[in-house]
Amino acid sequence: HALFAEGRGRPRDPSAWGSIAAWAWGLS
């Protein structure tokens, strides 16, 4: 998530990716 413009203090869309999506992205 830190590779992109995310984190505390930044508003997240309700559809922003969670950790399972991040792990799946890493598999790819």
mmCIF file of all heavy atoms, coordinates in Angstrom:
data_MODEL
# 
_entry.id   MODEL 
# 
loop_
_atom_site.group_PDB 
_atom_site.id 
_atom_site.type_symbol 
_atom_site.label_atom_id 
_atom_site.label_alt_id 
_atom_site.label_comp_id 
_atom_site.label_asym_id 
_atom_site.label_entity_id 
_atom_site.label_seq_id 
_atom_site.pdbx_PDB_ins_code 
_atom_site.Cartn_x 
_atom_site.Cartn_y 
_atom_site.Cartn_z 
_atom_site.occupancy 
_atom_site.B_iso_or_equiv 
_atom_site.pdbx_formal_charge 
_atom_site.auth_seq_id 
_atom_site.auth_comp_id 
_atom_site.auth_asym_id 
_atom_site.auth_atom_id 
_atom_site.pdbx_PDB_model_num 
ATOM 1   N N   . HIS A 1 1  ? 0.825   -1.211  0.000   1.00 0.00 ? 1  HIS A N   1 
ATOM 2   C CA  . HIS A 1 1  ? 0.000   0.000   0.000   1.00 0.00 ? 1  HIS A CA  1 
ATOM 3   C C   . HIS A 1 1  ? 0.859   1.260   0.000   1.00 0.00 ? 1  HIS A C   1 
ATOM 4   O O   . HIS A 1 1  ? 0.474   2.285   -0.566  1.00 0.00 ? 1  HIS A O   1 
ATOM 5   C CB  . HIS A 1 1  ? -0.932  -0.001  1.211   1.00 0.00 ? 1  HIS A CB  1 
ATOM 6   C CG  . HIS A 1 1  ? -1.955  -1.082  1.163   1.00 0.00 ? 1  HIS A CG  1 
ATOM 7   N ND1 . HIS A 1 1  ? -1.773  -2.295  1.788   1.00 0.00 ? 1  HIS A ND1 1 
ATOM 8   C CD2 . HIS A 1 1  ? -3.149  -1.161  0.542   1.00 0.00 ? 1  HIS A CD2 1 
ATOM 9   C CE1 . HIS A 1 1  ? -2.822  -3.054  1.574   1.00 0.00 ? 1  HIS A CE1 1 
ATOM 10  N NE2 . HIS A 1 1  ? -3.672  -2.407  0.816   1.00 0.00 ? 1  HIS A NE2 1 
ATOM 11  N N   . ALA A 1 2  ? 2.019   1.199   0.626   1.00 0.00 ? 2  ALA A N   1 
ATOM 12  C CA  . ALA A 1 2  ? 2.882   2.368   0.715   1.00 0.00 ? 2  ALA A CA  1 
ATOM 13  C C   . ALA A 1 2  ? 3.520   2.733   -0.630  1.00 0.00 ? 2  ALA A C   1 
ATOM 14  O O   . ALA A 1 2  ? 4.063   3.832   -0.776  1.00 0.00 ? 2  ALA A O   1 
ATOM 15  C CB  . ALA A 1 2  ? 3.973   2.127   1.757   1.00 0.00 ? 2  ALA A CB  1 
ATOM 16  N N   . LEU A 1 3  ? 3.465   1.817   -1.592  1.00 0.00 ? 3  LEU A N   1 
ATOM 17  C CA  . LEU A 1 3  ? 4.027   2.116   -2.910  1.00 0.00 ? 3  LEU A CA  1 
ATOM 18  C C   . LEU A 1 3  ? 3.167   3.121   -3.665  1.00 0.00 ? 3  LEU A C   1 
ATOM 19  O O   . LEU A 1 3  ? 3.611   3.729   -4.635  1.00 0.00 ? 3  LEU A O   1 
ATOM 20  C CB  . LEU A 1 3  ? 4.149   0.840   -3.749  1.00 0.00 ? 3  LEU A CB  1 
ATOM 21  C CG  . LEU A 1 3  ? 4.937   -0.324  -3.137  1.00 0.00 ? 3  LEU A CG  1 
ATOM 22  C CD1 . LEU A 1 3  ? 5.108   -1.424  -4.165  1.00 0.00 ? 3  LEU A CD1 1 
ATOM 23  C CD2 . LEU A 1 3  ? 6.272   0.138   -2.605  1.00 0.00 ? 3  LEU A CD2 1 
ATOM 24  N N   . PHE A 1 4  ? 1.937   3.273   -3.190  1.00 0.00 ? 4  PHE A N   1 
ATOM 25  C CA  . PHE A 1 4  ? 0.995   4.174   -3.826  1.00 0.00 ? 4  PHE A CA  1 
ATOM 26  C C   . PHE A 1 4  ? 0.608   5.264   -2.817  1.00 0.00 ? 4  PHE A C   1 
ATOM 27  O O   . PHE A 1 4  ? 1.018   5.230   -1.673  1.00 0.00 ? 4  PHE A O   1 
ATOM 28  C CB  . PHE A 1 4  ? -0.231  3.396   -4.310  1.00 0.00 ? 4  PHE A CB  1 
ATOM 29  C CG  . PHE A 1 4  ? 0.115   2.293   -5.271  1.00 0.00 ? 4  PHE A CG  1 
ATOM 30  C CD1 . PHE A 1 4  ? 0.442   1.021   -4.807  1.00 0.00 ? 4  PHE A CD1 1 
ATOM 31  C CD2 . PHE A 1 4  ? 0.162   2.526   -6.636  1.00 0.00 ? 4  PHE A CD2 1 
ATOM 32  C CE1 . PHE A 1 4  ? 0.787   0.000   -5.676  1.00 0.00 ? 4  PHE A CE1 1 
ATOM 33  C CE2 . PHE A 1 4  ? 0.523   1.511   -7.518  1.00 0.00 ? 4  PHE A CE2 1 
ATOM 34  C CZ  . PHE A 1 4  ? 0.833   0.246   -7.045  1.00 0.00 ? 4  PHE A CZ  1 
ATOM 35  N N   . ALA A 1 5  ? -0.158  6.229   -3.210  1.00 0.00 ? 5  ALA A N   1 
ATOM 36  C CA  . ALA A 1 5  ? -0.487  7.378   -2.346  1.00 0.00 ? 5  ALA A CA  1 
ATOM 37  C C   . ALA A 1 5  ? -1.576  6.996   -1.359  1.00 0.00 ? 5  ALA A C   1 
ATOM 38  O O   . ALA A 1 5  ? -2.744  7.334   -1.531  1.00 0.00 ? 5  ALA A O   1 
ATOM 39  C CB  . ALA A 1 5  ? -0.916  8.566   -3.194  1.00 0.00 ? 5  ALA A CB  1 
ATOM 40  N N   . GLU A 1 6  ? -1.192  6.264   -0.313  1.00 0.00 ? 6  GLU A N   1 
ATOM 41  C CA  . GLU A 1 6  ? -2.150  5.818   0.680   1.00 0.00 ? 6  GLU A CA  1 
ATOM 42  C C   . GLU A 1 6  ? -1.569  5.993   2.071   1.00 0.00 ? 6  GLU A C   1 
ATOM 43  O O   . GLU A 1 6  ? -0.405  6.319   2.250   1.00 0.00 ? 6  GLU A O   1 
ATOM 44  C CB  . GLU A 1 6  ? -2.496  4.340   0.461   1.00 0.00 ? 6  GLU A CB  1 
ATOM 45  C CG  . GLU A 1 6  ? -3.139  4.055   -0.881  1.00 0.00 ? 6  GLU A CG  1 
ATOM 46  C CD  . GLU A 1 6  ? -3.629  2.632   -0.960  1.00 0.00 ? 6  GLU A CD  1 
ATOM 47  O OE1 . GLU A 1 6  ? -2.814  1.763   -1.279  1.00 0.00 ? 6  GLU A OE1 1 
ATOM 48  O OE2 . GLU A 1 6  ? -4.817  2.413   -0.698  1.00 0.00 ? 6  GLU A OE2 1 
ATOM 49  N N   . GLY A 1 7  ? -2.392  5.784   3.090   1.00 0.00 ? 7  GLY A N   1 
ATOM 50  C CA  . GLY A 1 7  ? -1.941  5.821   4.456   1.00 0.00 ? 7  GLY A CA  1 
ATOM 51  C C   . GLY A 1 7  ? -2.785  6.714   5.331   1.00 0.00 ? 7  GLY A C   1 
ATOM 52  O O   . GLY A 1 7  ? -3.718  7.366   4.865   1.00 0.00 ? 7  GLY A O   1 
ATOM 53  N N   . ARG A 1 8  ? -2.467  6.745   6.607   1.00 0.00 ? 8  ARG A N   1 
ATOM 54  C CA  . ARG A 1 8  ? -3.223  7.579   7.536   1.00 0.00 ? 8  ARG A CA  1 
ATOM 55  C C   . ARG A 1 8  ? -3.126  9.046   7.133   1.00 0.00 ? 8  ARG A C   1 
ATOM 56  O O   . ARG A 1 8  ? -2.082  9.529   6.699   1.00 0.00 ? 8  ARG A O   1 
ATOM 57  C CB  . ARG A 1 8  ? -2.699  7.387   8.957   1.00 0.00 ? 8  ARG A CB  1 
ATOM 58  C CG  . ARG A 1 8  ? -3.098  6.056   9.565   1.00 0.00 ? 8  ARG A CG  1 
ATOM 59  C CD  . ARG A 1 8  ? -2.880  6.071   11.078  1.00 0.00 ? 8  ARG A CD  1 
ATOM 60  N NE  . ARG A 1 8  ? -3.353  4.828   11.672  1.00 0.00 ? 8  ARG A NE  1 
ATOM 61  C CZ  . ARG A 1 8  ? -2.582  3.824   12.006  1.00 0.00 ? 8  ARG A CZ  1 
ATOM 62  N NH1 . ARG A 1 8  ? -1.293  3.879   11.762  1.00 0.00 ? 8  ARG A NH1 1 
ATOM 63  N NH2 . ARG A 1 8  ? -3.074  2.739   12.560  1.00 0.00 ? 8  ARG A NH2 1 
ATOM 64  N N   . GLY A 1 9  ? -4.212  9.759   7.336   1.00 0.00 ? 9  GLY A N   1 
ATOM 65  C CA  . GLY A 1 9  ? -4.242  11.162  6.951   1.00 0.00 ? 9  GLY A CA  1 
ATOM 66  C C   . GLY A 1 9  ? -4.692  11.380  5.532   1.00 0.00 ? 9  GLY A C   1 
ATOM 67  O O   . GLY A 1 9  ? -4.924  12.514  5.112   1.00 0.00 ? 9  GLY A O   1 
ATOM 68  N N   . ARG A 1 10 ? -4.811  10.288  4.785   1.00 0.00 ? 10 ARG A N   1 
ATOM 69  C CA  . ARG A 1 10 ? -5.302  10.382  3.408   1.00 0.00 ? 10 ARG A CA  1 
ATOM 70  C C   . ARG A 1 10 ? -6.651  9.682   3.332   1.00 0.00 ? 10 ARG A C   1 
ATOM 71  O O   . ARG A 1 10 ? -6.775  8.549   3.777   1.00 0.00 ? 10 ARG A O   1 
ATOM 72  C CB  . ARG A 1 10 ? -4.333  9.731   2.421   1.00 0.00 ? 10 ARG A CB  1 
ATOM 73  C CG  . ARG A 1 10 ? -2.959  10.390  2.360   1.00 0.00 ? 10 ARG A CG  1 
ATOM 74  C CD  . ARG A 1 10 ? -2.055  9.644   1.390   1.00 0.00 ? 10 ARG A CD  1 
ATOM 75  N NE  . ARG A 1 10 ? -0.726  10.217  1.343   1.00 0.00 ? 10 ARG A NE  1 
ATOM 76  C CZ  . ARG A 1 10 ? -0.363  11.186  0.526   1.00 0.00 ? 10 ARG A CZ  1 
ATOM 77  N NH1 . ARG A 1 10 ? -1.261  11.697  -0.314  1.00 0.00 ? 10 ARG A NH1 1 
ATOM 78  N NH2 . ARG A 1 10 ? 0.870   11.642  0.529   1.00 0.00 ? 10 ARG A NH2 1 
ATOM 79  N N   . PRO A 1 11 ? -7.653  10.336  2.778   1.00 0.00 ? 11 PRO A N   1 
ATOM 80  C CA  . PRO A 1 11 ? -8.960  9.672   2.674   1.00 0.00 ? 11 PRO A CA  1 
ATOM 81  C C   . PRO A 1 11 ? -8.889  8.472   1.754   1.00 0.00 ? 11 PRO A C   1 
ATOM 82  O O   . PRO A 1 11 ? -8.267  8.523   0.692   1.00 0.00 ? 11 PRO A O   1 
ATOM 83  C CB  . PRO A 1 11 ? -9.863  10.770  2.106   1.00 0.00 ? 11 PRO A CB  1 
ATOM 84  C CG  . PRO A 1 11 ? -8.934  11.718  1.420   1.00 0.00 ? 11 PRO A CG  1 
ATOM 85  C CD  . PRO A 1 11 ? -7.662  11.689  2.198   1.00 0.00 ? 11 PRO A CD  1 
ATOM 86  N N   . ARG A 1 12 ? -9.510  7.365   2.161   1.00 0.00 ? 12 ARG A N   1 
ATOM 87  C CA  . ARG A 1 12 ? -9.533  6.156   1.351   1.00 0.00 ? 12 ARG A CA  1 
ATOM 88  C C   . ARG A 1 12 ? -10.932 5.931   0.830   1.00 0.00 ? 12 ARG A C   1 
ATOM 89  O O   . ARG A 1 12 ? -11.909 6.046   1.557   1.00 0.00 ? 12 ARG A O   1 
ATOM 90  C CB  . ARG A 1 12 ? -9.097  4.925   2.154   1.00 0.00 ? 12 ARG A CB  1 
ATOM 91  C CG  . ARG A 1 12 ? -7.655  4.938   2.593   1.00 0.00 ? 12 ARG A CG  1 
ATOM 92  C CD  . ARG A 1 12 ? -7.266  3.560   3.126   1.00 0.00 ? 12 ARG A CD  1 
ATOM 93  N NE  . ARG A 1 12 ? -6.581  2.768   2.113   1.00 0.00 ? 12 ARG A NE  1 
ATOM 94  C CZ  . ARG A 1 12 ? -6.895  1.531   1.775   1.00 0.00 ? 12 ARG A CZ  1 
ATOM 95  N NH1 . ARG A 1 12 ? -7.932  0.949   2.323   1.00 0.00 ? 12 ARG A NH1 1 
ATOM 96  N NH2 . ARG A 1 12 ? -6.199  0.879   0.874   1.00 0.00 ? 12 ARG A NH2 1 
ATOM 97  N N   . ASP A 1 13 ? -11.004 5.576   -0.432  1.00 0.00 ? 13 ASP A N   1 
ATOM 98  C CA  . ASP A 1 13 ? -12.287 5.216   -1.024  1.00 0.00 ? 13 ASP A CA  1 
ATOM 99  C C   . ASP A 1 13 ? -12.781 3.926   -0.382  1.00 0.00 ? 13 ASP A C   1 
ATOM 100 O O   . ASP A 1 13 ? -11.982 3.061   -0.019  1.00 0.00 ? 13 ASP A O   1 
ATOM 101 C CB  . ASP A 1 13 ? -12.105 5.023   -2.540  1.00 0.00 ? 13 ASP A CB  1 
ATOM 102 C CG  . ASP A 1 13 ? -13.420 4.837   -3.252  1.00 0.00 ? 13 ASP A CG  1 
ATOM 103 O OD1 . ASP A 1 13 ? -13.912 3.694   -3.288  1.00 0.00 ? 13 ASP A OD1 1 
ATOM 104 O OD2 . ASP A 1 13 ? -13.957 5.823   -3.778  1.00 0.00 ? 13 ASP A OD2 1 
ATOM 105 N N   . PRO A 1 14 ? -14.106 3.755   -0.199  1.00 0.00 ? 14 PRO A N   1 
ATOM 106 C CA  . PRO A 1 14 ? -14.612 2.496   0.363   1.00 0.00 ? 14 PRO A CA  1 
ATOM 107 C C   . PRO A 1 14 ? -14.187 1.267   -0.423  1.00 0.00 ? 14 PRO A C   1 
ATOM 108 O O   . PRO A 1 14 ? -14.171 0.162   0.124   1.00 0.00 ? 14 PRO A O   1 
ATOM 109 C CB  . PRO A 1 14 ? -16.132 2.684   0.321   1.00 0.00 ? 14 PRO A CB  1 
ATOM 110 C CG  . PRO A 1 14 ? -16.331 4.155   0.345   1.00 0.00 ? 14 PRO A CG  1 
ATOM 111 C CD  . PRO A 1 14 ? -15.182 4.728   -0.408  1.00 0.00 ? 14 PRO A CD  1 
ATOM 112 N N   . SER A 1 15 ? -13.837 1.459   -1.693  1.00 0.00 ? 15 SER A N   1 
ATOM 113 C CA  . SER A 1 15 ? -13.406 0.337   -2.527  1.00 0.00 ? 15 SER A CA  1 
ATOM 114 C C   . SER A 1 15 ? -11.892 0.254   -2.672  1.00 0.00 ? 15 SER A C   1 
ATOM 115 O O   . SER A 1 15 ? -11.389 -0.466  -3.536  1.00 0.00 ? 15 SER A O   1 
ATOM 116 C CB  . SER A 1 15 ? -14.050 0.430   -3.918  1.00 0.00 ? 15 SER A CB  1 
ATOM 117 O OG  . SER A 1 15 ? -15.446 0.233   -3.829  1.00 0.00 ? 15 SER A OG  1 
ATOM 118 N N   . ALA A 1 16 ? -11.145 0.987   -1.837  1.00 0.00 ? 16 ALA A N   1 
ATOM 119 C CA  . ALA A 1 16 ? -9.685  0.887   -1.889  1.00 0.00 ? 16 ALA A CA  1 
ATOM 120 C C   . ALA A 1 16 ? -9.245  -0.501  -1.424  1.00 0.00 ? 16 ALA A C   1 
ATOM 121 O O   . ALA A 1 16 ? -9.839  -1.090  -0.536  1.00 0.00 ? 16 ALA A O   1 
ATOM 122 C CB  . ALA A 1 16 ? -9.052  1.972   -1.023  1.00 0.00 ? 16 ALA A CB  1 
ATOM 123 N N   . TRP A 1 17 ? -8.173  -0.990  -2.008  1.00 0.00 ? 17 TRP A N   1 
ATOM 124 C CA  . TRP A 1 17 ? -7.757  -2.381  -1.787  1.00 0.00 ? 17 TRP A CA  1 
ATOM 125 C C   . TRP A 1 17 ? -7.317  -2.651  -0.354  1.00 0.00 ? 17 TRP A C   1 
ATOM 126 O O   . TRP A 1 17 ? -6.721  -1.816  0.303   1.00 0.00 ? 17 TRP A O   1 
ATOM 127 C CB  . TRP A 1 17 ? -6.675  -2.776  -2.774  1.00 0.00 ? 17 TRP A CB  1 
ATOM 128 C CG  . TRP A 1 17 ? -5.387  -1.987  -2.716  1.00 0.00 ? 17 TRP A CG  1 
ATOM 129 C CD1 . TRP A 1 17 ? -5.203  -0.684  -2.326  1.00 0.00 ? 17 TRP A CD1 1 
ATOM 130 C CD2 . TRP A 1 17 ? -4.096  -2.457  -3.104  1.00 0.00 ? 17 TRP A CD2 1 
ATOM 131 N NE1 . TRP A 1 17 ? -3.890  -0.313  -2.440  1.00 0.00 ? 17 TRP A NE1 1 
ATOM 132 C CE2 . TRP A 1 17 ? -3.183  -1.378  -2.921  1.00 0.00 ? 17 TRP A CE2 1 
ATOM 133 C CE3 . TRP A 1 17 ? -3.612  -3.664  -3.602  1.00 0.00 ? 17 TRP A CE3 1 
ATOM 134 C CZ2 . TRP A 1 17 ? -1.821  -1.491  -3.217  1.00 0.00 ? 17 TRP A CZ2 1 
ATOM 135 C CZ3 . TRP A 1 17 ? -2.253  -3.775  -3.900  1.00 0.00 ? 17 TRP A CZ3 1 
ATOM 136 C CH2 . TRP A 1 17 ? -1.389  -2.702  -3.706  1.00 0.00 ? 17 TRP A CH2 1 
ATOM 137 N N   . GLY A 1 18 ? -7.641  -3.863  0.086   1.00 0.00 ? 18 GLY A N   1 
ATOM 138 C CA  . GLY A 1 18 ? -7.197  -4.340  1.381   1.00 0.00 ? 18 GLY A CA  1 
ATOM 139 C C   . GLY A 1 18 ? -5.971  -5.220  1.249   1.00 0.00 ? 18 GLY A C   1 
ATOM 140 O O   . GLY A 1 18 ? -5.366  -5.343  0.175   1.00 0.00 ? 18 GLY A O   1 
ATOM 141 N N   . SER A 1 19 ? -5.591  -5.880  2.334   1.00 0.00 ? 19 SER A N   1 
ATOM 142 C CA  . SER A 1 19 ? -4.356  -6.667  2.340   1.00 0.00 ? 19 SER A CA  1 
ATOM 143 C C   . SER A 1 19 ? -4.442  -7.921  1.486   1.00 0.00 ? 19 SER A C   1 
ATOM 144 O O   . SER A 1 19 ? -3.443  -8.327  0.874   1.00 0.00 ? 19 SER A O   1 
ATOM 145 C CB  . SER A 1 19 ? -3.972  -7.039  3.770   1.00 0.00 ? 19 SER A CB  1 
ATOM 146 O OG  . SER A 1 19 ? -3.509  -5.900  4.465   1.00 0.00 ? 19 SER A OG  1 
ATOM 147 N N   . ILE A 1 20 ? -5.606  -8.569  1.426   1.00 0.00 ? 20 ILE A N   1 
ATOM 148 C CA  . ILE A 1 20 ? -5.702  -9.755  0.572   1.00 0.00 ? 20 ILE A CA  1 
ATOM 149 C C   . ILE A 1 20 ? -5.447  -9.383  -0.882  1.00 0.00 ? 20 ILE A C   1 
ATOM 150 O O   . ILE A 1 20 ? -4.744  -10.099 -1.612  1.00 0.00 ? 20 ILE A O   1 
ATOM 151 C CB  . ILE A 1 20 ? -7.058  -10.453 0.759   1.00 0.00 ? 20 ILE A CB  1 
ATOM 152 C CG1 . ILE A 1 20 ? -7.105  -11.137 2.134   1.00 0.00 ? 20 ILE A CG1 1 
ATOM 153 C CG2 . ILE A 1 20 ? -7.314  -11.484 -0.341  1.00 0.00 ? 20 ILE A CG2 1 
ATOM 154 C CD1 . ILE A 1 20 ? -8.421  -11.799 2.473   1.00 0.00 ? 20 ILE A CD1 1 
ATOM 155 N N   . ALA A 1 21 ? -5.990  -8.256  -1.311  1.00 0.00 ? 21 ALA A N   1 
ATOM 156 C CA  . ALA A 1 21 ? -5.720  -7.798  -2.682  1.00 0.00 ? 21 ALA A CA  1 
ATOM 157 C C   . ALA A 1 21 ? -4.244  -7.494  -2.873  1.00 0.00 ? 21 ALA A C   1 
ATOM 158 O O   . ALA A 1 21 ? -3.675  -7.751  -3.943  1.00 0.00 ? 21 ALA A O   1 
ATOM 159 C CB  . ALA A 1 21 ? -6.566  -6.572  -3.005  1.00 0.00 ? 21 ALA A CB  1 
ATOM 160 N N   . ALA A 1 22 ? -3.600  -6.954  -1.838  1.00 0.00 ? 22 ALA A N   1 
ATOM 161 C CA  . ALA A 1 22 ? -2.164  -6.670  -1.936  1.00 0.00 ? 22 ALA A CA  1 
ATOM 162 C C   . ALA A 1 22 ? -1.364  -7.955  -2.067  1.00 0.00 ? 22 ALA A C   1 
ATOM 163 O O   . ALA A 1 22 ? -0.429  -8.044  -2.876  1.00 0.00 ? 22 ALA A O   1 
ATOM 164 C CB  . ALA A 1 22 ? -1.708  -5.872  -0.717  1.00 0.00 ? 22 ALA A CB  1 
ATOM 165 N N   . TRP A 1 23 ? -1.726  -8.969  -1.274  1.00 0.00 ? 23 TRP A N   1 
ATOM 166 C CA  . TRP A 1 23 ? -1.007  -10.250 -1.382  1.00 0.00 ? 23 TRP A CA  1 
ATOM 167 C C   . TRP A 1 23 ? -1.231  -10.877 -2.762  1.00 0.00 ? 23 TRP A C   1 
ATOM 168 O O   . TRP A 1 23 ? -0.301  -11.453 -3.336  1.00 0.00 ? 23 TRP A O   1 
ATOM 169 C CB  . TRP A 1 23 ? -1.455  -11.188 -0.266  1.00 0.00 ? 23 TRP A CB  1 
ATOM 170 C CG  . TRP A 1 23 ? -1.221  -10.637 1.107   1.00 0.00 ? 23 TRP A CG  1 
ATOM 171 C CD1 . TRP A 1 23 ? -0.186  -9.831  1.510   1.00 0.00 ? 23 TRP A CD1 1 
ATOM 172 C CD2 . TRP A 1 23 ? -2.042  -10.835 2.271   1.00 0.00 ? 23 TRP A CD2 1 
ATOM 173 N NE1 . TRP A 1 23 ? -0.321  -9.512  2.840   1.00 0.00 ? 23 TRP A NE1 1 
ATOM 174 C CE2 . TRP A 1 23 ? -1.438  -10.106 3.340   1.00 0.00 ? 23 TRP A CE2 1 
ATOM 175 C CE3 . TRP A 1 23 ? -3.210  -11.546 2.518   1.00 0.00 ? 23 TRP A CE3 1 
ATOM 176 C CZ2 . TRP A 1 23 ? -1.980  -10.079 4.626   1.00 0.00 ? 23 TRP A CZ2 1 
ATOM 177 C CZ3 . TRP A 1 23 ? -3.757  -11.526 3.792   1.00 0.00 ? 23 TRP A CZ3 1 
ATOM 178 C CH2 . TRP A 1 23 ? -3.150  -10.805 4.832   1.00 0.00 ? 23 TRP A CH2 1 
ATOM 179 N N   . ALA A 1 24 ? -2.447  -10.766 -3.290  1.00 0.00 ? 24 ALA A N   1 
ATOM 180 C CA  . ALA A 1 24 ? -2.726  -11.297 -4.626  1.00 0.00 ? 24 ALA A CA  1 
ATOM 181 C C   . ALA A 1 24 ? -1.916  -10.548 -5.674  1.00 0.00 ? 24 ALA A C   1 
ATOM 182 O O   . ALA A 1 24 ? -1.372  -11.155 -6.616  1.00 0.00 ? 24 ALA A O   1 
ATOM 183 C CB  . ALA A 1 24 ? -4.223  -11.192 -4.928  1.00 0.00 ? 24 ALA A CB  1 
ATOM 184 N N   . TRP A 1 25 ? -1.841  -9.252  -5.527  1.00 0.00 ? 25 TRP A N   1 
ATOM 185 C CA  . TRP A 1 25 ? -1.024  -8.431  -6.430  1.00 0.00 ? 25 TRP A CA  1 
ATOM 186 C C   . TRP A 1 25 ? 0.438   -8.879  -6.373  1.00 0.00 ? 25 TRP A C   1 
ATOM 187 O O   . TRP A 1 25 ? 1.120   -8.998  -7.394  1.00 0.00 ? 25 TRP A O   1 
ATOM 188 C CB  . TRP A 1 25 ? -1.170  -6.964  -6.024  1.00 0.00 ? 25 TRP A CB  1 
ATOM 189 C CG  . TRP A 1 25 ? -0.299  -5.996  -6.753  1.00 0.00 ? 25 TRP A CG  1 
ATOM 190 C CD1 . TRP A 1 25 ? -0.553  -5.402  -7.955  1.00 0.00 ? 25 TRP A CD1 1 
ATOM 191 C CD2 . TRP A 1 25 ? 0.971   -5.476  -6.313  1.00 0.00 ? 25 TRP A CD2 1 
ATOM 192 N NE1 . TRP A 1 25 ? 0.484   -4.549  -8.288  1.00 0.00 ? 25 TRP A NE1 1 
ATOM 193 C CE2 . TRP A 1 25 ? 1.427   -4.580  -7.295  1.00 0.00 ? 25 TRP A CE2 1 
ATOM 194 C CE3 . TRP A 1 25 ? 1.750   -5.688  -5.181  1.00 0.00 ? 25 TRP A CE3 1 
ATOM 195 C CZ2 . TRP A 1 25 ? 2.633   -3.895  -7.176  1.00 0.00 ? 25 TRP A CZ2 1 
ATOM 196 C CZ3 . TRP A 1 25 ? 2.972   -5.013  -5.063  1.00 0.00 ? 25 TRP A CZ3 1 
ATOM 197 C CH2 . TRP A 1 25 ? 3.386   -4.123  -6.048  1.00 0.00 ? 25 TRP A CH2 1 
ATOM 198 N N   . GLY A 1 26 ? 0.922   -9.158  -5.167  1.00 0.00 ? 26 GLY A N   1 
ATOM 199 C CA  . GLY A 1 26 ? 2.296   -9.632  -5.020  1.00 0.00 ? 26 GLY A CA  1 
ATOM 200 C C   . GLY A 1 26 ? 2.529   -10.963 -5.705  1.00 0.00 ? 26 GLY A C   1 
ATOM 201 O O   . GLY A 1 26 ? 3.594   -11.195 -6.296  1.00 0.00 ? 26 GLY A O   1 
ATOM 202 N N   . LEU A 1 27 ? 1.548   -11.859 -5.644  1.00 0.00 ? 27 LEU A N   1 
ATOM 203 C CA  . LEU A 1 27 ? 1.677   -13.136 -6.358  1.00 0.00 ? 27 LEU A CA  1 
ATOM 204 C C   . LEU A 1 27 ? 1.849   -12.915 -7.853  1.00 0.00 ? 27 LEU A C   1 
ATOM 205 O O   . LEU A 1 27 ? 2.630   -13.616 -8.514  1.00 0.00 ? 27 LEU A O   1 
ATOM 206 C CB  . LEU A 1 27 ? 0.449   -14.004 -6.081  1.00 0.00 ? 27 LEU A CB  1 
ATOM 207 C CG  . LEU A 1 27 ? 0.407   -14.716 -4.729  1.00 0.00 ? 27 LEU A CG  1 
ATOM 208 C CD1 . LEU A 1 27 ? -0.985  -15.256 -4.447  1.00 0.00 ? 27 LEU A CD1 1 
ATOM 209 C CD2 . LEU A 1 27 ? 1.442   -15.838 -4.661  1.00 0.00 ? 27 LEU A CD2 1 
ATOM 210 N N   . SER A 1 28 ? 1.142   -11.952 -8.391  1.00 0.00 ? 28 SER A N   1 
ATOM 211 C CA  . SER A 1 28 ? 1.290   -11.666 -9.820  1.00 0.00 ? 28 SER A CA  1 
ATOM 212 C C   . SER A 1 28 ? 2.653   -11.065 -10.137 1.00 0.00 ? 28 SER A C   1 
ATOM 213 O O   . SER A 1 28 ? 3.210   -11.309 -11.213 1.00 0.00 ? 28 SER A O   1 
ATOM 214 C CB  . SER A 1 28 ? 0.179   -10.718 -10.290 1.00 0.00 ? 28 SER A CB  1 
ATOM 215 O OG  . SER A 1 28 ? -1.054  -11.400 -10.384 1.00 0.00 ? 28 SER A OG  1 
# 
